[in-house]
Structure formats: structure tokens, C-alpha cells
Amino acid sequence: PRAAHCAECDSCILRFDHHCPFVNNCVGQRNYHFFTAFLASTVMLAFSVIAGVGVTISDVAAQDAAHHLSPTTVWILGLAVGVPSGLF
């Protein structure tokens, strides 16, 4: 099996892939499933934030008559806030 030394962790890792700064650990033979679970949970969090912003935008658009904003303006403002916050 291939092994490599990680300069950031200062340890030898079997089947070394890369050092992930987000989980502050090396991705290697024994922790691929942890890294994959981290990526999956991050994607699910992004989708839930975007969905929550969409629900909020729908509620604001329904009450739009009192605020005199066009639905297009509400959606553009919501996406401008929701998509970056969901992705980062």
C-alpha cells in the first residue's frame, strides 16, 4: 500500500489522499467514509438553507401587497442572500 508523510499533521498516513483543512485531518485509508459523510452533510445543509430561504421568500411574496415590492424583486433579493449563505 502507498503511504505518505503529511507535513501538516506530522504523521504517516496509509493511502494518503490529501490533508483537509475543513476537518483538520488527513484523508486516507481509514477515514474516507468520515470525509464522505462530511461532504454529504455539507451539501444537505446547503440545500436546507436554500429551501428555508425559498419558504421565507414565498411568505414575503404572499404578504407583498402591503410592502409594494414586486415578486421578482423579492426573489432576486432572496436568492442574492440565500444562495451564498447556503454554499458557504
C-alpha atoms as a PDB file:
ATOM      1  CA  PRO A   1       0.000   0.000   0.000  1.00  0.00           C
ATOM      2  CA  ARG A   2       1.143   3.510  -0.681  1.00  0.00           C
ATOM      3  CA  ALA A   3       1.909   5.678   2.310  1.00  0.00           C
ATOM      4  CA  ALA A   4       2.931   9.295   2.601  1.00  0.00           C
ATOM      5  CA  HIS A   5       4.013  11.698   5.250  1.00  0.00           C
ATOM      6  CA  CYS A   6       1.754  14.674   5.876  1.00  0.00           C
ATOM      7  CA  ALA A   7       3.697  17.820   6.663  1.00  0.00           C
ATOM      8  CA  GLU A   8       0.692  19.461   8.326  1.00  0.00           C
ATOM      9  CA  CYS A   9      -0.204  16.547  10.641  1.00  0.00           C
ATOM     10  CA  ASP A  10       3.382  15.347  11.006  1.00  0.00           C
ATOM     11  CA  SER A  11       2.274  11.731  10.684  1.00  0.00           C
ATOM     12  CA  CYS A  12       2.484   8.863   8.222  1.00  0.00           C
ATOM     13  CA  ILE A  13      -0.830   8.049   6.505  1.00  0.00           C
ATOM     14  CA  LEU A  14      -1.650   4.835   4.611  1.00  0.00           C
ATOM     15  CA  ARG A  15      -3.173   5.506   1.179  1.00  0.00           C
ATOM     16  CA  PHE A  16      -2.710   9.242   1.717  1.00  0.00           C
ATOM     17  CA  ASP A  17      -5.115  11.299  -0.392  1.00  0.00           C
ATOM     18  CA  HIS A  18      -4.874  14.851   0.947  1.00  0.00           C
ATOM     19  CA  HIS A  19      -4.929  16.964   4.087  1.00  0.00           C
ATOM     20  CA  CYS A  20      -8.365  18.541   4.510  1.00  0.00           C
ATOM     21  CA  PRO A  21      -8.265  21.879   6.343  1.00  0.00           C
ATOM     22  CA  PHE A  22     -12.037  21.783   6.962  1.00  0.00           C
ATOM     23  CA  VAL A  23     -11.909  18.645   9.101  1.00  0.00           C
ATOM     24  CA  ASN A  24      -8.311  19.361  10.177  1.00  0.00           C
ATOM     25  CA  ASN A  25      -7.237  15.833   9.363  1.00  0.00           C
ATOM     26  CA  CYS A  26      -5.704  13.774   6.584  1.00  0.00           C
ATOM     27  CA  VAL A  27      -7.942  11.809   4.261  1.00  0.00           C
ATOM     28  CA  GLY A  28      -6.539   8.300   3.945  1.00  0.00           C
ATOM     29  CA  GLN A  29      -7.283   4.607   4.208  1.00  0.00           C
ATOM     30  CA  ARG A  30      -9.226   4.582   7.475  1.00  0.00           C
ATOM     31  CA  ASN A  31     -11.289   7.753   7.183  1.00  0.00           C
ATOM     32  CA  TYR A  32     -12.668   8.056   3.650  1.00  0.00           C
ATOM     33  CA  HIS A  33     -16.175   7.376   4.994  1.00  0.00           C
ATOM     34  CA  PHE A  34     -15.862  10.198   7.542  1.00  0.00           C
ATOM     35  CA  PHE A  35     -14.782  12.626   4.818  1.00  0.00           C
ATOM     36  CA  THR A  36     -17.604  11.483   2.524  1.00  0.00           C
ATOM     37  CA  ALA A  37     -20.116  11.900   5.368  1.00  0.00           C
ATOM     38  CA  PHE A  38     -18.744  15.404   5.988  1.00  0.00           C
ATOM     39  CA  LEU A  39     -19.244  16.314   2.327  1.00  0.00           C
ATOM     40  CA  ALA A  40     -22.759  14.847   2.278  1.00  0.00           C
ATOM     41  CA  SER A  41     -23.789  16.726   5.423  1.00  0.00           C
ATOM     42  CA  THR A  42     -22.396  19.967   3.995  1.00  0.00           C
ATOM     43  CA  VAL A  43     -24.417  19.523   0.794  1.00  0.00           C
ATOM     44  CA  MET A  44     -27.576  18.715   2.781  1.00  0.00           C
ATOM     45  CA  LEU A  45     -27.044  21.814   4.933  1.00  0.00           C
ATOM     46  CA  ALA A  46     -26.680  23.961   1.813  1.00  0.00           C
ATOM     47  CA  PHE A  47     -29.917  22.571   0.354  1.00  0.00           C
ATOM     48  CA  SER A  48     -31.807  23.084   3.618  1.00  0.00           C
ATOM     49  CA  VAL A  49     -30.633  26.694   3.891  1.00  0.00           C
ATOM     50  CA  ILE A  50     -31.655  27.375   0.290  1.00  0.00           C
ATOM     51  CA  ALA A  51     -35.040  25.706   0.896  1.00  0.00           C
ATOM     52  CA  GLY A  52     -35.556  27.750   4.065  1.00  0.00           C
ATOM     53  CA  VAL A  53     -34.793  30.945   2.207  1.00  0.00           C
ATOM     54  CA  GLY A  54     -37.226  29.855  -0.517  1.00  0.00           C
ATOM     55  CA  VAL A  55     -40.005  29.311   2.030  1.00  0.00           C
ATOM     56  CA  THR A  56     -39.287  32.697   3.589  1.00  0.00           C
ATOM     57  CA  ILE A  57     -39.325  34.357   0.173  1.00  0.00           C
ATOM     58  CA  SER A  58     -42.672  32.723  -0.597  1.00  0.00           C
ATOM     59  CA  ASP A  59     -44.114  34.062   2.654  1.00  0.00           C
ATOM     60  CA  VAL A  60     -42.792  37.545   1.942  1.00  0.00           C
ATOM     61  CA  ALA A  61     -44.135  37.409  -1.608  1.00  0.00           C
ATOM     62  CA  ALA A  62     -47.570  36.405  -0.272  1.00  0.00           C
ATOM     63  CA  GLN A  63     -47.596  39.445   2.012  1.00  0.00           C
ATOM     64  CA  ASP A  64     -46.163  41.630  -0.741  1.00  0.00           C
ATOM     65  CA  ALA A  65     -49.246  43.787  -1.266  1.00  0.00           C
ATOM     66  CA  ALA A  66     -48.553  45.746   1.924  1.00  0.00           C
ATOM     67  CA  HIS A  67     -44.885  46.318   1.066  1.00  0.00           C
ATOM     68  CA  HIS A  68     -45.327  47.204  -2.636  1.00  0.00           C
ATOM     69  CA  LEU A  69     -42.410  45.064  -3.788  1.00  0.00           C
ATOM     70  CA  SER A  70     -42.662  43.081  -6.990  1.00  0.00           C
ATOM     71  CA  PRO A  71     -42.335  39.291  -6.644  1.00  0.00           C
ATOM     72  CA  THR A  72     -39.335  39.380  -8.971  1.00  0.00           C
ATOM     73  CA  THR A  73     -37.539  41.819  -6.667  1.00  0.00           C
ATOM     74  CA  VAL A  74     -38.288  39.649  -3.631  1.00  0.00           C
ATOM     75  CA  TRP A  75     -36.939  36.533  -5.369  1.00  0.00           C
ATOM     76  CA  ILE A  76     -33.789  38.288  -6.585  1.00  0.00           C
ATOM     77  CA  LEU A  77     -33.054  39.655  -3.113  1.00  0.00           C
ATOM     78  CA  GLY A  78     -33.754  36.273  -1.531  1.00  0.00           C
ATOM     79  CA  LEU A  79     -31.502  34.402  -3.931  1.00  0.00           C
ATOM     80  CA  ALA A  80     -28.753  37.003  -3.519  1.00  0.00           C
ATOM     81  CA  VAL A  81     -28.778  36.289   0.225  1.00  0.00           C
ATOM     82  CA  GLY A  82     -29.756  32.606   0.292  1.00  0.00           C
ATOM     83  CA  VAL A  83     -27.503  31.037  -2.308  1.00  0.00           C
ATOM     84  CA  PRO A  84     -24.197  32.415  -0.981  1.00  0.00           C
ATOM     85  CA  SER A  85     -25.169  31.615   2.615  1.00  0.00           C
ATOM     86  CA  GLY A  86     -26.193  28.105   1.582  1.00  0.00           C
ATOM     87  CA  LEU A  87     -22.986  27.463  -0.317  1.00  0.00           C
ATOM     88  CA  PHE A  88     -20.619  28.898   2.242  1.00  0.00           C
END
